[in-house]
Amino acid sequence: MATGYQLVCVYLNEADEWEGRPLHEAILEFLNRSGCAGGTVLPALAGFTAGTTAPAPAAGELQGRRPLIVQFIDRAGQVAHVLPTLRRMAKQRLITLQDVQVIFPHLETV
């Protein structure tokens, strides 16, 4: 097992934008350009944030507003390097950070 890695999750929705384009796409591109090991966007079925109520949408009502989670795992130093820009891009959105142990036989070569 490898230590010294962190998992970052950014909670957004499809309607969030950065400089006129979908925020989740802009974050993935930024992470790639910054040399991060990888990133994933996970769609959620429903969700709510502080100050709102949990949605009970009719079919298709969440179109374009579906919750998304952008997550990536990388070495703590790389996370520290990208986090200031990520915070600026995600503005008031929730970002979580967790220390993780990574199990992967060839991780040290990444």
N, C-alpha and C. Protein backbone atom coordinates (compact mmCIF):
# COMPACT_ATOMS: atom_id res chain seq x y z
N MET A 1 0.83 -1.19 0.00
CA MET A 1 0.00 0.00 0.00
C MET A 1 0.87 1.24 0.00
N ALA A 2 0.44 2.23 -0.74
CA ALA A 2 1.17 3.49 -0.80
C ALA A 2 0.45 4.54 0.03
N THR A 3 1.20 5.29 0.82
CA THR A 3 0.64 6.38 1.61
C THR A 3 1.12 7.70 1.02
N GLY A 4 0.61 8.79 1.58
CA GLY A 4 0.99 10.11 1.07
C GLY A 4 0.12 10.58 -0.07
N TYR A 5 -1.01 9.91 -0.27
CA TYR A 5 -1.94 10.29 -1.33
C TYR A 5 -3.19 10.90 -0.72
N GLN A 6 -3.87 11.73 -1.51
CA GLN A 6 -5.10 12.36 -1.06
C GLN A 6 -6.17 12.24 -2.12
N LEU A 7 -7.41 12.11 -1.65
CA LEU A 7 -8.59 12.08 -2.51
C LEU A 7 -9.28 13.43 -2.38
N VAL A 8 -9.51 14.08 -3.51
CA VAL A 8 -10.22 15.36 -3.55
C VAL A 8 -11.54 15.15 -4.26
N CYS A 9 -12.64 15.63 -3.67
CA CYS A 9 -13.96 15.58 -4.29
C CYS A 9 -14.51 17.00 -4.36
N VAL A 10 -15.02 17.37 -5.52
CA VAL A 10 -15.63 18.68 -5.73
C VAL A 10 -17.09 18.43 -6.12
N TYR A 11 -18.00 19.01 -5.35
CA TYR A 11 -19.44 18.79 -5.55
C TYR A 11 -20.01 19.97 -6.34
N LEU A 12 -20.54 19.68 -7.54
CA LEU A 12 -21.08 20.71 -8.43
C LEU A 12 -22.41 20.25 -9.01
N ASN A 13 -22.87 20.99 -10.00
CA ASN A 13 -23.97 20.50 -10.83
C ASN A 13 -23.68 20.83 -12.28
N GLU A 14 -24.43 20.24 -13.16
CA GLU A 14 -24.19 20.39 -14.60
C GLU A 14 -24.24 21.83 -15.07
N ALA A 15 -25.00 22.67 -14.40
CA ALA A 15 -25.18 24.05 -14.85
C ALA A 15 -23.99 24.95 -14.48
N ASP A 16 -23.11 24.49 -13.59
CA ASP A 16 -21.96 25.31 -13.19
C ASP A 16 -21.03 25.52 -14.37
N GLU A 17 -20.53 26.75 -14.49
CA GLU A 17 -19.65 27.08 -15.62
C GLU A 17 -18.38 27.76 -15.14
N TRP A 18 -17.37 27.66 -15.98
CA TRP A 18 -16.10 28.35 -15.78
C TRP A 18 -15.72 28.93 -17.13
N GLU A 19 -15.67 30.25 -17.21
CA GLU A 19 -15.30 30.94 -18.45
C GLU A 19 -16.11 30.45 -19.65
N GLY A 20 -17.43 30.30 -19.45
CA GLY A 20 -18.34 29.98 -20.54
C GLY A 20 -18.43 28.52 -20.92
N ARG A 21 -17.81 27.64 -20.17
CA ARG A 21 -17.91 26.21 -20.49
C ARG A 21 -18.23 25.42 -19.23
N PRO A 22 -18.69 24.19 -19.38
CA PRO A 22 -19.05 23.40 -18.19
C PRO A 22 -17.87 23.30 -17.21
N LEU A 23 -18.16 23.58 -15.95
CA LEU A 23 -17.11 23.60 -14.94
C LEU A 23 -16.43 22.25 -14.79
N HIS A 24 -17.19 21.17 -14.82
CA HIS A 24 -16.57 19.86 -14.64
C HIS A 24 -15.56 19.55 -15.75
N GLU A 25 -15.86 19.97 -16.97
CA GLU A 25 -14.92 19.78 -18.07
C GLU A 25 -13.68 20.65 -17.88
N ALA A 26 -13.89 21.88 -17.45
CA ALA A 26 -12.76 22.80 -17.23
C ALA A 26 -11.86 22.28 -16.11
N ILE A 27 -12.46 21.71 -15.06
CA ILE A 27 -11.64 21.16 -13.96
C ILE A 27 -10.82 19.97 -14.45
N LEU A 28 -11.43 19.06 -15.19
CA LEU A 28 -10.67 17.91 -15.72
C LEU A 28 -9.52 18.37 -16.61
N GLU A 29 -9.78 19.34 -17.46
CA GLU A 29 -8.73 19.85 -18.33
C GLU A 29 -7.60 20.48 -17.51
N PHE A 30 -7.97 21.26 -16.49
CA PHE A 30 -6.97 21.88 -15.62
C PHE A 30 -6.13 20.81 -14.92
N LEU A 31 -6.77 19.78 -14.38
CA LEU A 31 -6.04 18.72 -13.69
C LEU A 31 -5.08 18.01 -14.65
N ASN A 32 -5.53 17.76 -15.85
CA ASN A 32 -4.69 17.11 -16.86
C ASN A 32 -3.48 17.98 -17.20
N ARG A 33 -3.73 19.26 -17.49
CA ARG A 33 -2.64 20.18 -17.82
C ARG A 33 -1.66 20.33 -16.67
N SER A 34 -2.15 20.18 -15.44
CA SER A 34 -1.32 20.36 -14.25
C SER A 34 -0.51 19.12 -13.90
N GLY A 35 -0.69 18.05 -14.65
CA GLY A 35 0.10 16.85 -14.42
C GLY A 35 -0.47 15.90 -13.39
N CYS A 36 -1.74 16.04 -13.06
CA CYS A 36 -2.36 15.12 -12.11
C CYS A 36 -2.46 13.73 -12.74
N ALA A 37 -2.51 12.71 -11.88
CA ALA A 37 -2.53 11.33 -12.35
C ALA A 37 -3.82 10.98 -13.08
N GLY A 38 -4.93 11.65 -12.78
CA GLY A 38 -6.20 11.36 -13.43
C GLY A 38 -7.32 12.06 -12.72
N GLY A 39 -8.50 11.99 -13.27
CA GLY A 39 -9.68 12.59 -12.67
C GLY A 39 -10.93 11.95 -13.23
N THR A 40 -12.01 12.01 -12.46
CA THR A 40 -13.27 11.37 -12.86
C THR A 40 -14.43 12.28 -12.50
N VAL A 41 -15.44 12.31 -13.36
CA VAL A 41 -16.69 13.00 -13.05
C VAL A 41 -17.76 11.94 -12.85
N LEU A 42 -18.40 11.98 -11.68
CA LEU A 42 -19.46 11.04 -11.35
C LEU A 42 -20.79 11.76 -11.33
N PRO A 43 -21.80 11.29 -12.07
CA PRO A 43 -23.12 11.89 -12.01
C PRO A 43 -23.90 11.33 -10.82
N ALA A 44 -24.73 12.14 -10.23
CA ALA A 44 -25.60 11.70 -9.13
C ALA A 44 -27.05 11.75 -9.60
N LEU A 45 -27.89 10.95 -8.99
CA LEU A 45 -29.30 10.92 -9.36
C LEU A 45 -30.05 12.14 -8.83
N ALA A 46 -29.68 12.59 -7.64
CA ALA A 46 -30.33 13.75 -7.03
C ALA A 46 -29.45 14.24 -5.89
N GLY A 47 -29.75 15.41 -5.37
CA GLY A 47 -29.00 15.94 -4.24
C GLY A 47 -29.52 17.30 -3.85
N PHE A 48 -29.00 17.82 -2.75
CA PHE A 48 -29.34 19.17 -2.32
C PHE A 48 -28.16 19.75 -1.56
N THR A 49 -28.15 21.05 -1.40
CA THR A 49 -27.11 21.74 -0.66
C THR A 49 -27.74 22.52 0.48
N ALA A 50 -26.91 23.03 1.37
CA ALA A 50 -27.40 23.82 2.50
C ALA A 50 -28.26 24.96 1.98
N GLY A 51 -29.40 25.17 2.64
CA GLY A 51 -30.29 26.25 2.24
C GLY A 51 -31.30 25.89 1.17
N THR A 52 -31.24 24.65 0.70
CA THR A 52 -32.24 24.19 -0.29
C THR A 52 -32.92 22.95 0.27
N THR A 53 -33.97 22.54 -0.39
CA THR A 53 -34.64 21.32 0.03
C THR A 53 -34.26 20.18 -0.90
N ALA A 54 -34.38 18.99 -0.41
CA ALA A 54 -34.08 17.82 -1.24
C ALA A 54 -35.07 17.76 -2.40
N PRO A 55 -34.59 17.61 -3.62
CA PRO A 55 -35.50 17.58 -4.76
C PRO A 55 -36.28 16.28 -4.83
N ALA A 56 -37.50 16.39 -5.28
CA ALA A 56 -38.32 15.24 -5.62
C ALA A 56 -38.79 15.48 -7.05
N PRO A 57 -37.85 15.44 -8.00
CA PRO A 57 -38.17 15.86 -9.36
C PRO A 57 -39.00 14.86 -10.14
N ALA A 58 -39.79 15.41 -11.05
CA ALA A 58 -40.47 14.58 -12.03
C ALA A 58 -39.41 14.13 -13.03
N ALA A 59 -39.72 13.14 -13.82
CA ALA A 59 -38.76 12.62 -14.80
C ALA A 59 -38.25 13.75 -15.69
N GLY A 60 -36.95 13.87 -15.78
CA GLY A 60 -36.34 14.87 -16.64
C GLY A 60 -36.28 16.28 -16.06
N GLU A 61 -36.85 16.50 -14.88
CA GLU A 61 -36.89 17.85 -14.31
C GLU A 61 -35.50 18.37 -13.94
N LEU A 62 -34.59 17.47 -13.62
CA LEU A 62 -33.24 17.89 -13.24
C LEU A 62 -32.34 18.08 -14.45
N GLN A 63 -32.86 17.93 -15.65
CA GLN A 63 -32.05 18.06 -16.85
C GLN A 63 -31.22 19.34 -16.79
N GLY A 64 -29.90 19.20 -16.89
CA GLY A 64 -29.00 20.34 -16.85
C GLY A 64 -28.66 20.81 -15.45
N ARG A 65 -29.30 20.27 -14.42
CA ARG A 65 -29.01 20.66 -13.05
C ARG A 65 -28.60 19.46 -12.20
N ARG A 66 -28.33 18.35 -12.83
CA ARG A 66 -27.98 17.13 -12.11
C ARG A 66 -26.70 17.35 -11.30
N PRO A 67 -26.65 16.84 -10.07
CA PRO A 67 -25.43 16.96 -9.28
C PRO A 67 -24.30 16.14 -9.89
N LEU A 68 -23.09 16.65 -9.78
CA LEU A 68 -21.89 15.97 -10.26
C LEU A 68 -20.83 16.00 -9.16
N ILE A 69 -19.98 14.99 -9.15
CA ILE A 69 -18.82 14.98 -8.25
C ILE A 69 -17.59 14.78 -9.12
N VAL A 70 -16.67 15.73 -9.05
CA VAL A 70 -15.38 15.59 -9.71
C VAL A 70 -14.42 15.09 -8.64
N GLN A 71 -13.74 13.98 -8.91
CA GLN A 71 -12.79 13.49 -7.92
C GLN A 71 -11.48 13.08 -8.57
N PHE A 72 -10.42 13.19 -7.77
CA PHE A 72 -9.12 12.72 -8.21
C PHE A 72 -8.28 12.36 -6.99
N ILE A 73 -7.35 11.45 -7.22
CA ILE A 73 -6.40 11.03 -6.19
C ILE A 73 -5.01 11.32 -6.72
N ASP A 74 -4.19 11.93 -5.88
CA ASP A 74 -2.82 12.21 -6.28
C ASP A 74 -1.97 12.36 -5.03
N ARG A 75 -0.68 12.51 -5.24
CA ARG A 75 0.23 12.73 -4.12
C ARG A 75 -0.13 14.05 -3.44
N ALA A 76 0.10 14.11 -2.14
CA ALA A 76 -0.27 15.30 -1.35
C ALA A 76 0.36 16.57 -1.91
N GLY A 77 1.58 16.51 -2.38
CA GLY A 77 2.25 17.68 -2.94
C GLY A 77 1.57 18.20 -4.20
N GLN A 78 1.12 17.29 -5.05
CA GLN A 78 0.42 17.69 -6.27
C GLN A 78 -0.94 18.28 -5.93
N VAL A 79 -1.62 17.69 -4.95
CA VAL A 79 -2.91 18.23 -4.52
C VAL A 79 -2.73 19.65 -4.00
N ALA A 80 -1.71 19.87 -3.18
CA ALA A 80 -1.45 21.21 -2.64
C ALA A 80 -1.16 22.20 -3.77
N HIS A 81 -0.53 21.73 -4.82
CA HIS A 81 -0.20 22.59 -5.97
C HIS A 81 -1.45 23.04 -6.73
N VAL A 82 -2.43 22.13 -6.92
CA VAL A 82 -3.61 22.47 -7.73
C VAL A 82 -4.77 23.04 -6.92
N LEU A 83 -4.76 22.84 -5.62
CA LEU A 83 -5.90 23.23 -4.79
C LEU A 83 -6.25 24.72 -4.85
N PRO A 84 -5.30 25.65 -4.83
CA PRO A 84 -5.70 27.07 -4.89
C PRO A 84 -6.49 27.41 -6.16
N THR A 85 -6.07 26.91 -7.30
CA THR A 85 -6.80 27.18 -8.55
C THR A 85 -8.14 26.47 -8.54
N LEU A 86 -8.16 25.25 -8.04
CA LEU A 86 -9.40 24.49 -7.96
C LEU A 86 -10.42 25.23 -7.08
N ARG A 87 -9.97 25.78 -5.97
CA ARG A 87 -10.87 26.54 -5.08
C ARG A 87 -11.41 27.77 -5.80
N ARG A 88 -10.57 28.43 -6.58
CA ARG A 88 -11.02 29.61 -7.33
C ARG A 88 -12.04 29.21 -8.40
N MET A 89 -11.82 28.10 -9.05
CA MET A 89 -12.73 27.65 -10.10
C MET A 89 -14.08 27.22 -9.51
N ALA A 90 -14.05 26.52 -8.38
CA ALA A 90 -15.27 25.98 -7.80
C ALA A 90 -16.00 26.99 -6.92
N LYS A 91 -15.42 28.14 -6.67
CA LYS A 91 -16.02 29.23 -5.89
C LYS A 91 -16.66 28.74 -4.61
N GLN A 92 -17.98 28.79 -4.52
CA GLN A 92 -18.70 28.45 -3.29
C GLN A 92 -19.08 26.98 -3.20
N ARG A 93 -18.58 26.15 -4.07
CA ARG A 93 -18.92 24.73 -4.06
C ARG A 93 -18.09 23.99 -3.02
N LEU A 94 -18.65 22.91 -2.51
CA LEU A 94 -17.99 22.10 -1.50
C LEU A 94 -16.83 21.33 -2.11
N ILE A 95 -15.69 21.37 -1.44
CA ILE A 95 -14.52 20.57 -1.81
C ILE A 95 -14.10 19.80 -0.56
N THR A 96 -13.93 18.49 -0.71
CA THR A 96 -13.46 17.69 0.42
C THR A 96 -12.08 17.12 0.09
N LEU A 97 -11.32 16.85 1.14
CA LEU A 97 -9.96 16.35 1.01
C LEU A 97 -9.75 15.27 2.07
N GLN A 98 -9.31 14.09 1.63
CA GLN A 98 -9.08 12.98 2.56
C GLN A 98 -7.74 12.33 2.26
N ASP A 99 -7.03 11.96 3.31
CA ASP A 99 -5.84 11.13 3.13
C ASP A 99 -6.31 9.72 2.80
N VAL A 100 -5.66 9.08 1.84
CA VAL A 100 -6.04 7.73 1.43
C VAL A 100 -4.80 6.86 1.28
N GLN A 101 -5.00 5.57 1.43
CA GLN A 101 -3.97 4.59 1.10
C GLN A 101 -4.35 4.00 -0.24
N VAL A 102 -3.40 3.92 -1.13
CA VAL A 102 -3.67 3.46 -2.49
C VAL A 102 -3.08 2.06 -2.65
N ILE A 103 -3.89 1.16 -3.19
CA ILE A 103 -3.44 -0.21 -3.45
C ILE A 103 -3.37 -0.39 -4.96
N PHE A 104 -2.18 -0.42 -5.47
CA PHE A 104 -1.98 -0.58 -6.91
C PHE A 104 -0.53 -0.99 -7.10
N PRO A 105 -0.27 -2.11 -7.77
CA PRO A 105 1.09 -2.63 -7.80
C PRO A 105 2.13 -1.76 -8.48
N HIS A 106 1.74 -0.90 -9.42
CA HIS A 106 2.71 -0.12 -10.16
C HIS A 106 2.62 1.37 -9.84
N LEU A 107 2.05 1.71 -8.71
CA LEU A 107 1.77 3.10 -8.38
C LEU A 107 3.03 3.95 -8.34
N GLU A 108 4.11 3.43 -7.86
CA GLU A 108 5.34 4.23 -7.70
C GLU A 108 5.88 4.72 -9.04
N THR A 109 5.44 4.14 -10.15
CA THR A 109 5.90 4.59 -11.46
C THR A 109 5.04 5.70 -12.02
N VAL A 110 3.90 6.00 -11.36
CA VAL A 110 2.98 7.04 -11.86
C VAL A 110 3.50 8.39 -11.46
